[in-house]
């Protein structure tokens, strides 16, 4: 199997997730969310399945990062390692929470995801937008400036991580919000 196909699939999943986040935030912003019947059904589905959706997101992000480093042999930089530290445990947290049907897991996943958002946003902006090196990327070891993936002129590995962490933050909000019952 051509490995670039898997990278493209991960990029397409990132774009799709960003599109869903944009639609959700737009509907929330304009307060149209509760007026359309199909959207009521959709938000009910998302709320009821937030644990499963979170597991899929964290499992995909974890598998994707392992695919990049272990199959394609992309060296993760220090910022990538920090992002992994905050993503990997969430797979097990959501798996256990799904098995025992405990949505309180979002209390623990939210801080991990918020820290992950900050790290991946910093990583993306310093490497892609600003294009400057950071203190986290020393001369020895993997550089944060190497863009192993650059799909659709903006999708990079740090942006994939940012999208995954942001999705967990939004699912945490939806799961805990009384407005979504």
Protein backbone atom coordinates (compact mmCIF):
# COMPACT_ATOMS: atom_id res chain seq x y z
CA UNK A 1 0.00 0.00 0.00
CA UNK A 2 1.27 3.44 -0.92
CA UNK A 3 2.05 5.28 2.34
CA UNK A 4 1.17 8.64 0.80
CA UNK A 5 -2.43 7.41 0.55
CA UNK A 6 -2.57 6.98 4.33
CA UNK A 7 -1.10 10.44 4.83
CA UNK A 8 -3.69 11.87 2.43
CA UNK A 9 -6.50 10.06 4.30
CA UNK A 10 -5.28 11.55 7.60
CA UNK A 11 -5.18 14.98 5.95
CA UNK A 12 -8.70 14.55 4.57
CA UNK A 13 -9.93 13.46 8.00
CA UNK A 14 -8.34 16.62 9.42
CA UNK A 15 -10.09 18.82 6.85
CA UNK A 16 -13.40 17.05 7.50
CA UNK A 17 -13.04 17.52 11.27
CA UNK A 18 -12.15 21.18 10.80
CA UNK A 19 -15.24 21.58 8.63
CA UNK A 20 -17.43 19.99 11.33
CA UNK A 21 -15.88 22.26 13.98
CA UNK A 22 -16.46 25.32 11.78
CA UNK A 23 -20.09 24.37 11.16
CA UNK A 24 -20.66 23.74 14.87
CA UNK A 25 -19.09 27.05 15.91
CA UNK A 26 -20.99 28.94 13.19
CA UNK A 27 -24.31 27.47 14.26
CA UNK A 28 -23.50 28.15 17.90
CA UNK A 29 -22.47 31.72 17.09
CA UNK A 30 -25.66 32.51 15.22
CA UNK A 31 -27.87 30.58 17.65
CA UNK A 32 -29.54 28.61 14.87
CA UNK A 33 -28.64 25.31 16.47
CA UNK A 34 -31.91 24.68 18.26
CA UNK A 35 -34.25 25.87 15.48
CA UNK A 36 -33.57 23.20 12.87
CA UNK A 37 -34.99 19.76 13.64
CA UNK A 38 -32.24 17.77 11.90
CA UNK A 39 -29.63 19.66 13.90
CA UNK A 40 -31.45 18.79 17.12
CA UNK A 41 -31.16 15.14 16.16
CA UNK A 42 -27.51 15.57 15.26
CA UNK A 43 -26.59 17.27 18.53
CA UNK A 44 -28.48 14.57 20.44
CA UNK A 45 -26.49 11.92 18.57
CA UNK A 46 -23.20 13.69 19.28
CA UNK A 47 -24.02 14.09 22.97
CA UNK A 48 -25.07 10.45 23.30
CA UNK A 49 -21.99 9.20 21.44
CA UNK A 50 -19.40 11.69 22.71
CA UNK A 51 -17.38 8.96 24.42
CA UNK A 52 -17.22 6.83 21.28
CA UNK A 53 -16.41 9.84 19.07
CA UNK A 54 -13.66 10.91 21.49
CA UNK A 55 -12.21 7.40 21.48
CA UNK A 56 -12.16 7.39 17.66
CA UNK A 57 -10.45 10.81 17.57
CA UNK A 58 -7.80 9.93 20.15
CA UNK A 59 -7.20 6.49 18.63
CA UNK A 60 -6.81 7.99 15.15
CA UNK A 61 -4.45 10.70 16.42
CA UNK A 62 -2.36 8.18 18.35
CA UNK A 63 -2.27 5.70 15.47
CA UNK A 64 -1.43 8.49 13.03
CA UNK A 65 1.50 9.73 15.10
CA UNK A 66 2.82 6.18 15.49
CA UNK A 67 2.37 5.62 11.75
CA UNK A 68 4.43 8.72 10.99
CA UNK A 69 7.25 7.83 13.38
CA UNK A 70 7.36 4.02 13.23
CA UNK A 71 6.32 3.26 9.64
CA UNK A 72 7.42 6.35 7.71
CA UNK A 73 10.33 6.97 10.11
CA UNK A 74 9.61 10.68 10.62
CA UNK A 75 11.55 11.82 13.67
CA UNK A 76 9.22 13.56 16.14
CA UNK A 77 10.56 16.83 17.50
CA UNK A 78 10.30 17.82 21.15
CA UNK A 79 6.99 19.60 20.62
CA UNK A 80 5.60 16.50 18.91
CA UNK A 81 6.64 14.45 21.94
CA UNK A 82 4.88 16.87 24.29
CA UNK A 83 1.72 16.58 22.18
CA UNK A 84 1.94 12.80 22.33
CA UNK A 85 2.23 12.93 26.12
CA UNK A 86 -1.14 14.66 26.29
CA UNK A 87 -2.87 12.56 23.58
CA UNK A 88 -1.80 8.97 24.21
CA UNK A 89 -3.31 8.48 27.69
CA UNK A 90 -6.65 9.73 26.44
CA UNK A 91 -7.10 6.62 24.28
CA UNK A 92 -7.15 4.47 27.40
CA UNK A 93 -9.21 6.97 29.36
CA UNK A 94 -11.94 7.04 26.70
CA UNK A 95 -11.82 3.28 26.15
CA UNK A 96 -12.38 2.60 29.85
CA UNK A 97 -15.00 5.36 30.09
CA UNK A 98 -16.85 3.91 27.10
CA UNK A 99 -16.84 0.44 28.63
CA UNK A 100 -18.19 1.66 31.98
CA UNK A 101 -20.27 4.45 30.39
CA UNK A 102 -18.76 7.23 32.48
CA UNK A 103 -18.87 10.69 30.89
CA UNK A 104 -17.06 12.14 33.88
CA UNK A 105 -13.89 11.24 31.97
CA UNK A 106 -14.22 14.57 30.19
CA UNK A 107 -13.26 16.27 33.47
CA UNK A 108 -9.86 14.64 33.14
CA UNK A 109 -9.55 14.73 29.37
CA UNK A 110 -10.37 18.43 29.09
CA UNK A 111 -7.21 19.71 30.85
CA UNK A 112 -5.04 17.31 28.82
CA UNK A 113 -6.67 18.47 25.59
CA UNK A 114 -6.46 22.16 26.47
CA UNK A 115 -2.73 21.82 27.14
CA UNK A 116 -2.45 19.86 23.88
CA UNK A 117 -4.26 22.69 22.05
CA UNK A 118 -1.76 25.22 23.41
CA UNK A 119 1.27 23.12 22.49
CA UNK A 120 0.07 22.22 19.01
CA UNK A 121 -1.10 25.79 18.29
CA UNK A 122 2.32 27.07 19.35
CA UNK A 123 4.01 24.38 17.26
CA UNK A 124 1.93 25.17 14.18
CA UNK A 125 2.30 28.93 14.40
CA UNK A 126 6.04 28.94 15.08
CA UNK A 127 6.86 26.49 12.31
CA UNK A 128 4.24 27.10 9.64
CA UNK A 129 3.05 30.67 10.02
CA UNK A 130 6.08 32.39 11.53
CA UNK A 131 8.63 29.91 10.19
CA UNK A 132 11.00 30.53 13.05
CA UNK A 133 12.86 28.04 15.15
CA UNK A 134 11.99 27.70 18.80
CA UNK A 135 13.87 26.86 21.97
CA UNK A 136 12.24 23.42 21.88
CA UNK A 137 13.99 22.49 18.66
CA UNK A 138 17.72 22.24 19.34
CA UNK A 139 20.39 21.87 16.70
CA UNK A 140 20.69 18.19 17.66
CA UNK A 141 17.72 15.90 17.28
CA UNK A 142 14.62 16.32 15.17
CA UNK A 143 13.83 19.85 14.07
CA UNK A 144 10.39 21.40 14.47
CA UNK A 145 10.93 23.17 11.17
CA UNK A 146 10.78 20.02 9.06
CA UNK A 147 7.34 19.69 7.50
CA UNK A 148 6.97 16.02 6.70
CA UNK A 149 3.36 16.57 5.68
CA UNK A 150 2.02 19.63 3.86
CA UNK A 151 -1.33 18.78 2.30
CA UNK A 152 -3.75 21.30 0.83
CA UNK A 153 -1.07 23.96 1.45
CA UNK A 154 -1.77 24.12 5.19
CA UNK A 155 -2.28 20.66 6.77
CA UNK A 156 0.79 19.69 8.78
CA UNK A 157 1.25 17.16 11.56
CA UNK A 158 0.96 19.85 14.28
CA UNK A 159 -2.30 21.06 12.70
CA UNK A 160 -3.62 17.49 12.70
CA UNK A 161 -2.87 17.35 16.43
CA UNK A 162 -4.47 20.76 17.00
CA UNK A 163 -7.61 19.60 15.23
CA UNK A 164 -7.81 16.41 17.31
CA UNK A 165 -7.27 18.24 20.61
CA UNK A 166 -9.82 20.92 19.64
CA UNK A 167 -12.37 18.23 18.80
CA UNK A 168 -11.97 16.69 22.26
CA UNK A 169 -12.42 20.12 23.86
CA UNK A 170 -15.65 20.67 21.91
CA UNK A 171 -16.93 17.17 22.69
CA UNK A 172 -16.15 17.84 26.37
CA UNK A 173 -18.28 20.96 26.21
CA UNK A 174 -21.13 19.22 24.40
CA UNK A 175 -21.05 16.27 26.78
CA UNK A 176 -21.20 18.45 29.88
CA UNK A 177 -23.61 21.10 28.63
CA UNK A 178 -27.18 20.93 29.86
CA UNK A 179 -28.30 22.74 26.70
CA UNK A 180 -27.63 19.57 24.72
CA UNK A 181 -30.05 17.30 26.56
